[in-house]
Amino acid sequence: MTVEKIKYLITGLGNTGPEYRDTRHNIGFKVLDAFARASNAVFEEKRHGAVTATRLKGRQLVLLKPNTFMNNSGRAVNYWMEKEKVPLPGLLVIGDDIALPFGTIRLRANGSDGGHNGLKSVNEWLGTRSYARLRVGIGNDFRRGEQADYVLSPWTPAEEALLPAALSLCEQVIASFVLAGTEETMCMYNNKGFAT
């Protein structure tokens, strides 16, 4: 299939509920909220997640925020890929990454879950690791054994101030992924950061 003809499923990983809304682990949700606002798209609660659709220069995009909680994100991704007939090259999964410093992003065409339970679930449900994922660095400023508390804690004021730049950069990556493809987007954006 050509880039122009396929449908895209852009998935932001996170946990539902007000207690998780502004935590580091929910950066995937934040990215999709920003992208949807810029597209005047409104999420609706549907099966396995909040979903909306938009178009970008003729391409069809389905935006998904799973409501299955992080550890079972793959159930929602698998369901919506099948329902919307999205091929594997049309999937982009966005999530946080403690292995990357805050202020950095990395797009990859495939790879391991890197210890991320959301990606682990997607890998298991799809039976493959060969799909694009956008990893947003949240840093690892925590003591041994405190990883869970760190990713589920709110942003610091300094981080919060930089989030608009992070979201803007991620929106650009999504658009480039859809319009130019994974490889070109990796070349264009993987050396860029949002923290100065």
Protein backbone atom coordinates (compact mmCIF):
# COMPACT_ATOMS: atom_id res chain seq x y z
CA MET A 1 0.00 0.00 0.00
CA THR A 2 1.16 3.54 -0.62
CA VAL A 3 1.39 6.10 2.15
CA GLU A 4 -1.56 7.97 0.65
CA LYS A 5 -3.99 5.04 0.60
CA ILE A 6 -3.76 3.55 4.09
CA LYS A 7 -5.67 4.58 7.18
CA TYR A 8 -3.74 5.53 10.33
CA LEU A 9 -4.29 4.70 14.00
CA ILE A 10 -2.46 7.14 16.26
CA THR A 11 -2.52 5.81 19.82
CA GLY A 12 -1.48 7.71 22.92
CA LEU A 13 -0.78 5.57 25.98
CA GLY A 14 -1.96 6.51 29.45
CA ASN A 15 -4.34 5.72 32.29
CA THR A 16 -7.89 7.00 32.60
CA GLY A 17 -9.14 8.92 35.61
CA PRO A 18 -8.50 12.36 37.07
CA GLU A 19 -5.79 11.07 39.42
CA TYR A 20 -3.63 10.18 36.40
CA ARG A 21 -4.43 13.12 34.12
CA ASP A 22 -1.32 15.23 34.72
CA THR A 23 1.20 12.49 35.44
CA ARG A 24 4.30 11.68 33.42
CA HIS A 25 2.92 8.29 32.41
CA ASN A 26 0.06 10.04 30.58
CA ILE A 27 2.15 12.02 28.10
CA GLY A 28 0.63 9.92 25.29
CA PHE A 29 -2.85 11.15 26.20
CA LYS A 30 -1.59 14.74 26.39
CA VAL A 31 -0.05 14.52 22.92
CA LEU A 32 -3.29 13.21 21.41
CA ASP A 33 -5.37 15.84 23.19
CA ALA A 34 -3.18 18.56 21.70
CA PHE A 35 -3.27 17.02 18.22
CA ALA A 36 -7.06 16.65 18.37
CA ARG A 37 -7.52 20.27 19.50
CA ALA A 38 -5.40 21.51 16.62
CA SER A 39 -7.57 19.45 14.25
CA ASN A 40 -10.87 20.52 15.87
CA ALA A 41 -11.55 16.85 16.61
CA VAL A 42 -13.50 15.82 19.72
CA PHE A 43 -12.99 12.51 21.51
CA GLU A 44 -15.95 10.23 22.25
CA GLU A 45 -15.95 7.37 24.72
CA LYS A 46 -16.32 4.17 22.72
CA ARG A 47 -15.36 0.55 23.13
CA HIS A 48 -11.93 0.21 24.77
CA GLY A 49 -11.13 3.92 24.58
CA ALA A 50 -11.76 7.54 23.73
CA VAL A 51 -11.73 7.84 19.95
CA THR A 52 -11.98 10.54 17.31
CA ALA A 53 -11.20 10.82 13.63
CA THR A 54 -9.63 13.55 11.55
CA ARG A 55 -7.98 14.04 8.17
CA LEU A 56 -4.58 15.36 7.21
CA LYS A 57 -4.11 16.31 3.55
CA GLY A 58 -6.50 13.59 2.47
CA ARG A 59 -5.20 10.90 4.84
CA GLN A 60 -7.65 9.35 7.32
CA LEU A 61 -6.51 9.32 10.95
CA VAL A 62 -8.16 7.59 13.89
CA LEU A 63 -6.94 8.88 17.27
CA LEU A 64 -7.18 6.49 20.22
CA LYS A 65 -6.70 6.93 23.96
CA PRO A 66 -7.21 3.42 25.42
CA ASN A 67 -9.38 3.17 28.54
CA THR A 68 -8.10 -0.33 29.29
CA PHE A 69 -5.33 1.08 31.54
CA MET A 70 -1.68 1.01 30.60
CA ASN A 71 -1.01 -2.68 31.24
CA ASN A 72 -3.74 -3.76 28.79
CA SER A 73 -3.31 -1.10 26.10
CA GLY A 74 -2.83 -3.76 23.44
CA ARG A 75 -6.45 -4.89 23.71
CA ALA A 76 -7.67 -1.46 22.59
CA VAL A 77 -5.02 -1.09 19.88
CA ASN A 78 -5.79 -4.53 18.45
CA TYR A 79 -9.56 -3.91 18.51
CA TRP A 80 -9.38 -0.54 16.73
CA MET A 81 -6.84 -1.72 14.17
CA GLU A 82 -9.21 -4.53 13.22
CA LYS A 83 -12.35 -2.38 13.36
CA GLU A 84 -10.87 0.41 11.22
CA LYS A 85 -8.86 -1.96 9.00
CA VAL A 86 -5.59 -0.18 9.78
CA PRO A 87 -2.50 -1.99 8.43
CA LEU A 88 0.59 -2.28 10.62
CA PRO A 89 2.47 0.51 8.75
CA GLY A 90 -0.37 2.86 9.73
CA LEU A 91 0.06 2.38 13.49
CA LEU A 92 1.90 4.89 15.66
CA VAL A 93 2.03 4.38 19.44
CA ILE A 94 3.07 7.29 21.68
CA GLY A 95 4.28 6.82 25.25
CA ASP A 96 6.66 7.96 27.96
CA ASP A 97 10.21 6.68 28.31
CA ILE A 98 12.37 6.90 31.45
CA ALA A 99 15.45 5.84 29.46
CA LEU A 100 15.35 9.17 27.61
CA PRO A 101 16.18 12.48 29.32
CA PHE A 102 13.34 14.93 29.70
CA GLY A 103 13.41 17.14 26.63
CA THR A 104 14.13 14.42 24.07
CA ILE A 105 12.01 12.29 21.75
CA ARG A 106 12.76 9.21 19.67
CA LEU A 107 10.76 7.70 16.84
CA ARG A 108 11.48 4.07 16.05
CA ALA A 109 10.11 1.78 13.35
CA ASN A 110 10.19 -1.25 15.70
CA GLY A 111 11.88 -2.51 18.84
CA SER A 112 11.44 -3.98 22.28
CA ASP A 113 9.10 -2.65 24.94
CA GLY A 114 12.07 -1.30 26.93
CA GLY A 115 10.31 -2.26 30.17
CA HIS A 116 7.22 -0.18 29.27
CA ASN A 117 4.08 -2.11 30.21
CA GLY A 118 1.94 -0.36 27.60
CA LEU A 119 4.27 -1.30 24.75
CA LYS A 120 4.62 -4.80 26.21
CA SER A 121 0.85 -5.22 26.00
CA VAL A 122 0.73 -3.90 22.43
CA ASN A 123 3.53 -6.28 21.41
CA GLU A 124 1.67 -9.22 22.95
CA TRP A 125 -1.72 -8.41 21.44
CA LEU A 126 -0.37 -7.71 17.97
CA GLY A 127 2.15 -10.55 18.05
CA THR A 128 4.85 -8.27 16.65
CA ARG A 129 7.21 -5.46 17.59
CA SER A 130 7.30 -4.11 14.03
CA TYR A 131 5.27 -0.94 14.38
CA ALA A 132 6.22 2.70 14.84
CA ARG A 133 6.48 4.12 18.33
CA LEU A 134 7.21 7.65 19.49
CA ARG A 135 8.99 7.68 22.84
CA VAL A 136 8.82 10.92 24.83
CA GLY A 137 11.59 11.29 27.39
CA ILE A 138 10.48 11.90 30.97
CA GLY A 139 13.88 11.38 32.62
CA ASN A 140 14.73 9.08 35.52
CA ASP A 141 15.14 11.34 38.51
CA PHE A 142 14.12 8.74 41.09
CA ARG A 143 15.79 6.49 43.63
CA ARG A 144 16.01 2.73 43.22
CA GLY A 145 12.62 1.09 43.68
CA GLU A 146 10.67 4.32 43.14
CA GLN A 147 10.08 4.05 39.39
CA ALA A 148 6.33 3.46 39.69
CA ASP A 149 5.89 6.47 41.97
CA TYR A 150 7.95 8.61 39.61
CA VAL A 151 6.05 7.85 36.41
CA LEU A 152 2.71 8.26 38.20
CA SER A 153 3.68 11.58 39.78
CA PRO A 154 2.87 15.05 38.39
CA TRP A 155 5.28 17.12 36.34
CA THR A 156 7.51 19.57 38.17
CA PRO A 157 6.78 23.27 37.54
CA ALA A 158 9.90 23.49 35.34
CA GLU A 159 8.76 20.49 33.28
CA GLU A 160 5.22 21.83 33.08
CA ALA A 161 6.53 25.05 31.58
CA LEU A 162 8.18 23.07 28.76
CA LEU A 163 5.24 20.78 28.01
CA PRO A 164 3.70 23.04 25.33
CA ALA A 165 6.95 22.82 23.36
CA ALA A 166 6.99 19.03 23.84
CA LEU A 167 3.42 18.68 22.61
CA SER A 168 4.06 20.91 19.63
CA LEU A 169 7.08 18.85 18.60
CA CYS A 170 5.13 15.60 18.95
CA GLU A 171 2.31 17.02 16.82
CA GLN A 172 4.88 17.76 14.10
CA VAL A 173 6.20 14.20 14.33
CA ILE A 174 2.69 12.75 13.94
CA ALA A 175 2.03 14.86 10.87
CA SER A 176 5.38 13.91 9.35
CA PHE A 177 4.82 10.22 10.11
CA VAL A 178 1.53 10.33 8.19
CA LEU A 179 2.74 12.47 5.29
CA ALA A 180 6.37 11.41 4.88
CA GLY A 181 6.66 8.00 6.58
CA THR A 182 8.66 6.63 9.48
CA GLU A 183 12.19 6.67 8.07
CA GLU A 184 12.12 10.25 6.83
CA THR A 185 10.50 11.43 10.05
CA MET A 186 13.19 9.70 12.12
CA CYS A 187 15.87 11.54 10.13
CA MET A 188 14.11 14.87 10.57
CA TYR A 189 13.17 14.74 14.23
CA ASN A 190 15.20 12.24 16.28
CA ASN A 191 17.96 14.76 16.99
CA LYS A 192 15.56 17.49 18.00
CA GLY A 193 14.53 18.19 21.55
CA PHE A 194 12.00 20.40 23.27
CA ALA A 195 13.95 21.41 26.37
CA THR A 196 16.44 24.23 26.11
